[in-house]
């Protein structure tokens, strides 16, 4: 929930930077390269040895870069509301994948959370073939990131080191789009730099690290539903900070997402009572 909340606040900060003229591609370059430098400074003693599967790190890094690119492409083609809704069809995709692997997802929580996200998106939903394709690919790739991260940390990889190495791959891949020196040159006021630093620290390094650590004890499906507090926090923060109005339907959508999270927590508490503490 903390990771999702920080991502939600980061989205509002990013929107403020876009309004000042910074392009999404430039912000992504600053975000990823800044995160790589901060991870390197904070995790000097934990980055080596690297995660045991180089292929998994490569796949995670490329998927991280692709998720962010396709998400912003969806925003560009369809708008923020539709992009957020399509992004959060990801938990349903993960649940379907886990079901094919013999697990039993909480379909009620998936349905309630997805319905809540649809309401939270409001009346601004619009579709085009290209935008729909980008949005669904972004959701599927986010599912890949969550499932693969869960598998690696379950095998014993350090979650923080795994994210750091994967973010390094993502940053290198993004060199072909916007190199960091061009992103730095595009920055303007000190206030813009303050927002960018906040996004790097509080909306990238901290939430990605703690979300990966949470996957040690939560499966990818449950974790992705809990992370759906992101649009709820983002909507409330935009209401407070950017003075964007919230309709009754959007408030109901946020309540449904929180109800889905509460349902998962209640289910976990009942299971703990039956089986005892781990």
Protein backbone atom coordinates (compact mmCIF):
# COMPACT_ATOMS: atom_id res chain seq x y z
CA UNK A 1 0.00 0.00 0.00
CA UNK A 2 2.88 2.36 0.72
CA UNK A 3 4.41 1.63 -2.70
CA UNK A 4 1.10 2.26 -4.45
CA UNK A 5 0.55 5.46 -2.49
CA UNK A 6 3.99 6.79 -3.41
CA UNK A 7 3.43 5.94 -7.09
CA UNK A 8 0.13 7.80 -6.94
CA UNK A 9 1.78 10.92 -5.51
CA UNK A 10 4.55 10.59 -8.08
CA UNK A 11 1.99 10.62 -10.87
CA UNK A 12 0.64 13.97 -9.68
CA UNK A 13 4.18 15.38 -9.47
CA UNK A 14 4.86 14.11 -12.99
CA UNK A 15 1.71 15.79 -14.28
CA UNK A 16 2.89 19.07 -12.76
CA UNK A 17 6.23 18.69 -14.59
CA UNK A 18 4.50 17.91 -17.89
CA UNK A 19 2.44 21.09 -17.45
CA UNK A 20 5.70 23.05 -17.18
CA UNK A 21 6.83 21.77 -20.58
CA UNK A 22 9.01 18.72 -19.73
CA UNK A 23 8.30 15.77 -22.03
CA UNK A 24 7.36 12.36 -20.60
CA UNK A 25 10.35 10.77 -22.36
CA UNK A 26 12.77 13.24 -20.72
CA UNK A 27 11.25 12.66 -17.29
CA UNK A 28 11.60 8.90 -17.72
CA UNK A 29 15.29 9.35 -18.55
CA UNK A 30 15.83 11.47 -15.43
CA UNK A 31 13.81 9.03 -13.34
CA UNK A 32 15.66 5.90 -14.39
CA UNK A 33 19.21 7.30 -14.45
CA UNK A 34 18.64 9.12 -11.16
CA UNK A 35 17.36 5.88 -9.62
CA UNK A 36 20.40 3.96 -10.90
CA UNK A 37 22.79 6.46 -9.32
CA UNK A 38 20.89 6.46 -6.03
CA UNK A 39 20.69 2.66 -5.92
CA UNK A 40 24.44 2.48 -6.58
CA UNK A 41 25.13 4.92 -3.72
CA UNK A 42 22.80 3.22 -1.22
CA UNK A 43 23.40 -0.44 -2.04
CA UNK A 44 27.16 -0.59 -2.51
CA UNK A 45 27.43 -3.66 -0.31
CA UNK A 46 24.38 -5.45 -1.76
CA UNK A 47 24.80 -5.07 -5.52
CA UNK A 48 27.40 -7.84 -5.69
CA UNK A 49 26.97 -10.64 -6.29
CA UNK A 50 24.39 -9.74 -8.92
CA UNK A 51 21.08 -11.63 -9.07
CA UNK A 52 21.79 -15.17 -10.20
CA UNK A 53 19.85 -15.08 -13.46
CA UNK A 54 21.22 -12.58 -15.97
CA UNK A 55 18.35 -13.43 -18.31
CA UNK A 56 15.78 -12.52 -15.65
CA UNK A 57 17.49 -9.18 -14.98
CA UNK A 58 17.62 -8.42 -18.70
CA UNK A 59 13.94 -9.33 -19.13
CA UNK A 60 12.91 -7.29 -16.08
CA UNK A 61 14.87 -4.24 -17.20
CA UNK A 62 13.51 -4.27 -20.74
CA UNK A 63 9.98 -4.85 -19.41
CA UNK A 64 10.33 -1.92 -16.95
CA UNK A 65 11.37 0.42 -19.76
CA UNK A 66 8.63 -0.87 -22.06
CA UNK A 67 5.91 -0.57 -19.38
CA UNK A 68 6.69 3.09 -18.86
CA UNK A 69 6.99 3.85 -22.58
CA UNK A 70 3.71 2.15 -23.49
CA UNK A 71 1.92 3.76 -20.53
CA UNK A 72 2.94 7.26 -21.60
CA UNK A 73 2.11 6.42 -25.23
CA UNK A 74 -1.38 5.44 -24.04
CA UNK A 75 -1.70 8.74 -22.18
CA UNK A 76 -0.67 10.59 -25.34
CA UNK A 77 -3.25 8.76 -27.51
CA UNK A 78 -6.16 8.25 -25.12
CA UNK A 79 -5.70 10.55 -22.14
CA UNK A 80 -4.86 9.90 -18.50
CA UNK A 81 -8.20 8.40 -17.43
CA UNK A 82 -8.24 5.68 -20.09
CA UNK A 83 -4.54 4.94 -19.65
CA UNK A 84 -4.98 4.38 -15.91
CA UNK A 85 -7.96 2.09 -16.45
CA UNK A 86 -6.16 -0.03 -19.07
CA UNK A 87 -3.03 -0.20 -16.90
CA UNK A 88 -5.05 -1.64 -14.05
CA UNK A 89 -6.51 -4.45 -16.09
CA UNK A 90 -3.12 -5.97 -15.24
CA UNK A 91 -4.29 -7.65 -11.98
CA UNK A 92 -7.00 -9.49 -13.93
CA UNK A 93 -4.36 -10.69 -16.41
CA UNK A 94 -2.14 -11.86 -13.55
CA UNK A 95 -5.07 -13.64 -11.89
CA UNK A 96 -5.83 -15.44 -15.15
CA UNK A 97 -2.18 -16.48 -15.49
CA UNK A 98 -2.04 -17.75 -11.91
CA UNK A 99 -5.29 -19.67 -12.49
CA UNK A 100 -3.72 -21.45 -15.46
CA UNK A 101 -0.85 -22.41 -13.12
CA UNK A 102 -3.25 -24.10 -10.70
CA UNK A 103 -3.55 -21.30 -8.14
CA UNK A 104 -6.84 -19.86 -6.87
CA UNK A 105 -6.97 -16.08 -7.31
CA UNK A 106 -9.51 -14.03 -5.41
CA UNK A 107 -11.76 -13.28 -8.38
CA UNK A 108 -14.13 -11.20 -6.23
CA UNK A 109 -11.32 -8.84 -5.21
CA UNK A 110 -10.11 -8.65 -8.83
CA UNK A 111 -13.59 -7.77 -10.07
CA UNK A 112 -14.32 -5.22 -7.34
CA UNK A 113 -10.95 -3.48 -7.84
CA UNK A 114 -11.30 -3.39 -11.64
CA UNK A 115 -14.84 -1.97 -11.38
CA UNK A 116 -13.52 0.62 -8.93
CA UNK A 117 -10.76 1.63 -11.34
CA UNK A 118 -13.31 2.02 -14.15
CA UNK A 119 -15.42 4.34 -11.97
CA UNK A 120 -12.33 6.21 -10.79
CA UNK A 121 -11.35 6.89 -14.40
CA UNK A 122 -14.57 8.88 -14.65
CA UNK A 123 -16.30 9.81 -17.87
CA UNK A 124 -13.10 10.49 -19.80
CA UNK A 125 -12.70 7.03 -21.32
CA UNK A 126 -12.02 7.04 -25.06
CA UNK A 127 -10.52 4.39 -27.32
CA UNK A 128 -8.57 4.05 -30.55
CA UNK A 129 -7.02 0.85 -31.95
CA UNK A 130 -3.43 2.02 -31.42
CA UNK A 131 -4.12 3.44 -27.97
CA UNK A 132 -5.97 0.31 -26.87
CA UNK A 133 -3.09 -1.85 -28.07
CA UNK A 134 -0.52 0.27 -26.19
CA UNK A 135 -2.63 0.22 -23.03
CA UNK A 136 -3.18 -3.54 -22.99
CA UNK A 137 0.48 -4.23 -23.79
CA UNK A 138 1.48 -1.94 -20.91
CA UNK A 139 -0.83 -3.82 -18.53
CA UNK A 140 0.48 -7.19 -19.70
CA UNK A 141 4.11 -6.09 -19.33
CA UNK A 142 3.41 -4.81 -15.82
CA UNK A 143 2.07 -8.27 -15.03
CA UNK A 144 5.28 -9.79 -16.40
CA UNK A 145 7.36 -7.53 -14.15
CA UNK A 146 5.35 -8.47 -11.05
CA UNK A 147 5.27 -12.22 -11.74
CA UNK A 148 8.95 -12.43 -12.68
CA UNK A 149 10.01 -10.36 -9.67
CA UNK A 150 7.94 -12.60 -7.40
CA UNK A 151 9.60 -15.71 -8.86
CA UNK A 152 13.12 -14.32 -8.46
CA UNK A 153 12.71 -13.11 -4.86
CA UNK A 154 11.08 -16.45 -3.98
CA UNK A 155 14.27 -18.11 -5.26
CA UNK A 156 16.37 -15.98 -2.91
CA UNK A 157 17.42 -12.92 -4.94
CA UNK A 158 17.80 -9.72 -2.91
CA UNK A 159 14.72 -7.67 -3.96
CA UNK A 160 16.50 -4.32 -3.72
CA UNK A 161 19.49 -5.52 -5.75
CA UNK A 162 17.15 -7.11 -8.28
CA UNK A 163 15.35 -3.80 -8.83
CA UNK A 164 18.65 -1.88 -8.98
CA UNK A 165 20.15 -4.12 -11.66
CA UNK A 166 16.90 -4.20 -13.63
CA UNK A 167 16.62 -0.40 -13.47
CA UNK A 168 20.16 -0.19 -14.83
CA UNK A 169 19.15 -2.30 -17.83
CA UNK A 170 16.05 -0.11 -18.32
CA UNK A 171 18.15 3.08 -18.20
CA UNK A 172 20.60 1.71 -20.77
CA UNK A 173 17.72 0.73 -23.03
CA UNK A 174 16.28 4.26 -22.73
CA UNK A 175 19.54 5.78 -24.00
CA UNK A 176 18.22 5.19 -27.51
CA UNK A 177 15.16 7.36 -26.76
CA UNK A 178 16.37 10.26 -24.60
CA UNK A 179 19.93 10.21 -23.19
CA UNK A 180 20.28 11.67 -19.68
CA UNK A 181 22.28 14.73 -20.78
CA UNK A 182 19.42 15.81 -23.07
CA UNK A 183 16.94 15.27 -20.23
CA UNK A 184 19.08 17.42 -17.89
CA UNK A 185 19.26 20.15 -20.53
CA UNK A 186 15.46 20.15 -20.77
CA UNK A 187 15.02 20.88 -17.06
CA UNK A 188 14.13 24.39 -16.05
CA UNK A 189 13.40 25.95 -12.67
CA UNK A 190 14.65 24.86 -9.23
CA UNK A 191 11.06 23.93 -8.40
CA UNK A 192 11.07 21.55 -11.37
CA UNK A 193 14.30 19.96 -10.15
CA UNK A 194 12.78 19.54 -6.68
CA UNK A 195 9.84 17.66 -8.20
CA UNK A 196 12.16 15.53 -10.33
CA UNK A 197 14.28 14.58 -7.30
CA UNK A 198 11.13 13.72 -5.34
CA UNK A 199 9.99 11.46 -8.20
CA UNK A 200 13.39 9.72 -8.33
CA UNK A 201 13.58 9.10 -4.58
CA UNK A 202 9.98 8.79 -3.39
CA UNK A 203 8.22 7.55 -6.54
CA UNK A 204 10.92 5.27 -7.95
CA UNK A 205 13.66 4.00 -5.63
CA UNK A 206 11.59 3.60 -2.45
CA UNK A 207 8.36 2.15 -3.90
CA UNK A 208 10.01 -0.21 -6.40
CA UNK A 209 12.27 -1.53 -3.65
CA UNK A 210 9.58 -2.05 -1.03
CA UNK A 211 7.12 -3.49 -3.57
CA UNK A 212 9.72 -6.07 -4.60
CA UNK A 213 10.36 -6.86 -0.93
CA UNK A 214 6.60 -7.28 -0.40
CA UNK A 215 6.61 -9.96 -3.11
CA UNK A 216 8.52 -12.17 -0.70
CA UNK A 217 5.28 -12.72 1.24
CA UNK A 218 2.51 -11.78 -1.25
CA UNK A 219 1.86 -13.46 -4.58
CA UNK A 220 1.93 -11.21 -7.64
CA UNK A 221 -1.87 -11.17 -7.98
CA UNK A 222 -2.57 -10.01 -4.43
CA UNK A 223 0.27 -7.49 -4.50
CA UNK A 224 -0.94 -5.96 -7.78
CA UNK A 225 -4.47 -5.52 -6.37
CA UNK A 226 -3.13 -3.84 -3.22
CA UNK A 227 -1.02 -1.53 -5.42
CA UNK A 228 -4.26 -0.31 -7.03
CA UNK A 229 -4.42 2.25 -4.23
CA UNK A 230 -2.14 4.20 -6.62
CA UNK A 231 -4.96 5.83 -8.65
CA UNK A 232 -6.95 6.46 -5.45
CA UNK A 233 -4.08 8.36 -3.84
CA UNK A 234 -3.32 10.06 -7.16
CA UNK A 235 -6.91 11.27 -7.54
CA UNK A 236 -7.07 12.60 -3.97
CA UNK A 237 -3.67 14.28 -4.32
CA UNK A 238 -4.72 15.87 -7.64
CA UNK A 239 -7.88 17.15 -5.93
CA UNK A 240 -5.84 18.71 -3.11
CA UNK A 241 -2.78 19.88 -5.05
CA UNK A 242 -4.03 20.56 -8.59
CA UNK A 243 -7.64 21.39 -7.62
CA UNK A 244 -9.05 18.73 -9.94
CA UNK A 245 -12.67 17.94 -9.07
CA UNK A 246 -13.75 14.47 -7.93
CA UNK A 247 -17.19 13.25 -9.00
CA UNK A 248 -19.41 11.02 -6.88
CA UNK A 249 -18.67 8.15 -9.25
CA UNK A 250 -14.92 8.59 -8.83
CA UNK A 251 -15.28 8.65 -5.06
CA UNK A 252 -17.31 5.42 -5.27
CA UNK A 253 -14.61 3.90 -7.48
CA UNK A 254 -11.92 4.72 -4.93
CA UNK A 255 -14.07 3.19 -2.20
CA UNK A 256 -14.41 -0.03 -4.24
CA UNK A 257 -10.64 -0.30 -4.69
CA UNK A 258 -10.10 0.16 -0.96
CA UNK A 259 -12.84 -2.44 -0.32
CA UNK A 260 -10.97 -4.92 -2.53
CA UNK A 261 -7.77 -4.32 -0.54
CA UNK A 262 -9.69 -4.76 2.72
CA UNK A 263 -11.18 -8.00 1.37
CA UNK A 264 -7.71 -9.38 0.68
CA UNK A 265 -6.55 -8.38 4.16
CA UNK A 266 -9.59 -10.04 5.75
CA UNK A 267 -9.00 -13.19 3.72
CA UNK A 268 -5.35 -13.25 4.80
CA UNK A 269 -6.29 -12.76 8.46
CA UNK A 270 -8.78 -15.67 8.29
CA UNK A 271 -6.15 -17.89 6.71
CA UNK A 272 -3.63 -16.95 9.41
CA UNK A 273 -6.15 -17.84 12.14
CA UNK A 274 -6.70 -21.27 10.58
CA UNK A 275 -3.06 -22.12 9.90
CA UNK A 276 -1.20 -20.11 12.56
CA UNK A 277 1.62 -17.62 11.98
CA UNK A 278 4.20 -18.45 9.24
